[in-house]
Protein backbone atom coordinates (compact mmCIF):
# COMPACT_ATOMS: atom_id res chain seq x y z
CA UNK A 1 -16.62 -0.16 4.87
CA UNK A 2 -13.32 0.97 3.38
CA UNK A 3 -11.60 -1.14 0.73
CA UNK A 4 -7.79 -1.33 0.99
CA UNK A 5 -5.35 -2.72 -1.56
CA UNK A 6 -2.28 -4.33 0.01
CA UNK A 7 0.65 -4.32 -2.44
CA UNK A 8 3.11 -6.73 -0.85
CA UNK A 9 5.11 -9.61 -2.32
CA UNK A 10 6.04 -11.24 1.01
CA UNK A 11 3.07 -13.49 1.74
CA UNK A 12 3.58 -13.54 5.53
CA UNK A 13 3.55 -9.75 5.74
CA UNK A 14 0.57 -9.46 3.39
CA UNK A 15 -1.37 -12.03 5.44
CA UNK A 16 -0.47 -10.22 8.69
CA UNK A 17 -1.74 -6.89 7.34
CA UNK A 18 -4.86 -8.46 5.83
CA UNK A 19 -5.79 -10.29 9.04
CA UNK A 20 -5.42 -7.14 11.13
CA UNK A 21 -7.34 -4.96 8.69
CA UNK A 22 -10.22 -7.43 8.37
CA UNK A 23 -10.36 -7.70 12.17
CA UNK A 24 -10.79 -3.91 12.23
CA UNK A 25 -13.64 -3.91 9.71
CA UNK A 26 -11.83 -3.20 6.43
CA UNK A 27 -12.24 -5.01 3.13
CA UNK A 28 -8.93 -5.99 1.56
CA UNK A 29 -7.32 -7.31 -1.58
CA UNK A 30 -3.69 -8.30 -2.11
CA UNK A 31 -1.47 -7.65 -5.12
CA UNK A 32 1.93 -9.36 -5.17
CA UNK A 33 3.61 -7.37 -7.96
CA UNK A 34 3.48 -3.87 -9.41
CA UNK A 35 1.76 -4.88 -12.64
CA UNK A 36 -1.03 -6.50 -10.63
CA UNK A 37 -1.37 -3.36 -8.48
CA UNK A 38 -1.91 -1.17 -11.54
CA UNK A 39 -4.42 -3.61 -13.03
CA UNK A 40 -6.38 -3.90 -9.79
CA UNK A 41 -6.39 -0.13 -9.28
CA UNK A 42 -8.09 0.31 -12.67
CA UNK A 43 -10.72 -2.37 -12.18
CA UNK A 44 -11.65 -1.90 -8.50
CA UNK A 45 -12.72 0.92 -6.25
CA UNK A 46 -10.12 1.15 -3.49
CA UNK A 47 -10.08 3.79 -0.76
CA UNK A 48 -6.38 3.40 0.12
CA UNK A 49 -3.23 1.67 -1.13
CA UNK A 50 -0.58 0.13 1.13
CA UNK A 51 2.46 -0.04 -1.15
CA UNK A 52 5.75 -1.89 -0.74
CA UNK A 53 8.56 -0.29 -2.77
CA UNK A 54 10.36 -3.60 -3.40
CA UNK A 55 7.71 -5.25 -5.56
CA UNK A 56 8.68 -7.52 -8.48
CA UNK A 57 7.81 -6.87 -12.16
CA UNK A 58 7.24 -3.13 -11.56
CA UNK A 59 8.62 -1.79 -8.30
CA UNK A 60 6.77 0.57 -6.01
CA UNK A 61 8.51 3.63 -7.48
CA UNK A 62 7.21 2.74 -10.96
CA UNK A 63 3.72 2.13 -9.53
CA UNK A 64 3.78 5.54 -7.81
CA UNK A 65 4.84 7.24 -11.05
CA UNK A 66 2.19 5.51 -13.17
CA UNK A 67 -0.58 6.25 -10.68
CA UNK A 68 0.53 9.88 -10.58
CA UNK A 69 0.56 10.04 -14.40
CA UNK A 70 -2.99 8.64 -14.44
CA UNK A 71 -4.10 11.39 -12.05
CA UNK A 72 -5.02 8.89 -9.36
CA UNK A 73 -5.91 10.67 -6.11
CA UNK A 74 -6.11 7.62 -3.81
CA UNK A 75 -4.24 7.95 -0.49
CA UNK A 76 -1.06 5.86 -0.55
CA UNK A 77 0.91 4.68 2.46
CA UNK A 78 4.33 3.35 1.55
CA UNK A 79 5.18 0.34 3.73
CA UNK A 80 8.74 -0.69 3.04
CA UNK A 81 11.98 -1.95 4.51
CA UNK A 82 13.89 0.90 2.87
CA UNK A 83 14.95 2.81 5.93
CA UNK A 84 15.19 6.29 4.52
CA UNK A 85 13.73 6.83 1.05
CA UNK A 86 14.42 10.00 -0.89
CA UNK A 87 11.89 12.50 0.44
CA UNK A 88 9.18 13.16 -2.13
CA UNK A 89 5.49 13.95 -2.05
CA UNK A 90 4.77 10.24 -2.58
CA UNK A 91 6.94 9.07 0.34
CA UNK A 92 5.73 11.61 2.90
CA UNK A 93 3.32 8.93 4.12
CA UNK A 94 5.81 6.21 5.03
CA UNK A 95 5.89 3.27 7.46
CA UNK A 96 9.18 1.41 7.87
CA UNK A 97 9.23 -2.38 8.21
CA UNK A 98 9.20 -3.93 10.70
CA UNK A 99 6.25 -2.02 12.14
CA UNK A 100 3.66 -2.37 14.88
CA UNK A 101 0.24 -3.07 13.38
CA UNK A 102 -1.33 -0.48 15.68
CA UNK A 103 0.94 2.23 14.22
CA UNK A 104 -0.06 1.22 10.68
CA UNK A 105 -3.74 1.19 11.65
CA UNK A 106 -3.51 4.71 13.09
CA UNK A 107 -1.85 5.93 9.88
CA UNK A 108 -4.59 4.27 7.79
CA UNK A 109 -7.38 5.84 9.86
CA UNK A 110 -5.81 9.29 9.59
CA UNK A 111 -5.72 8.95 5.77
CA UNK A 112 -9.33 7.83 5.38
């Protein structure tokens, strides 16, 4: 069973993603700010990260940079309301909010 970290500060959206993922057989954990994401990534074994760019404390861009600096190879899907982020290697796997859960699920499955 794959373990997915949901990095989302909006509790309704985090709960929506978690409910759908658990229903589809995934284990999940939720981080509500960037500092918590980095801490959880070091202490747990996640298979994939769903990352909002607009996180408090450390935003998603800072999280991406720190994970890259640490040499972290985990697949990351950016899930954010930013309509058109600057194209980079990190944002090539991008889902724009609002999204259909089925579209997110397909993206997750293709990354695992």
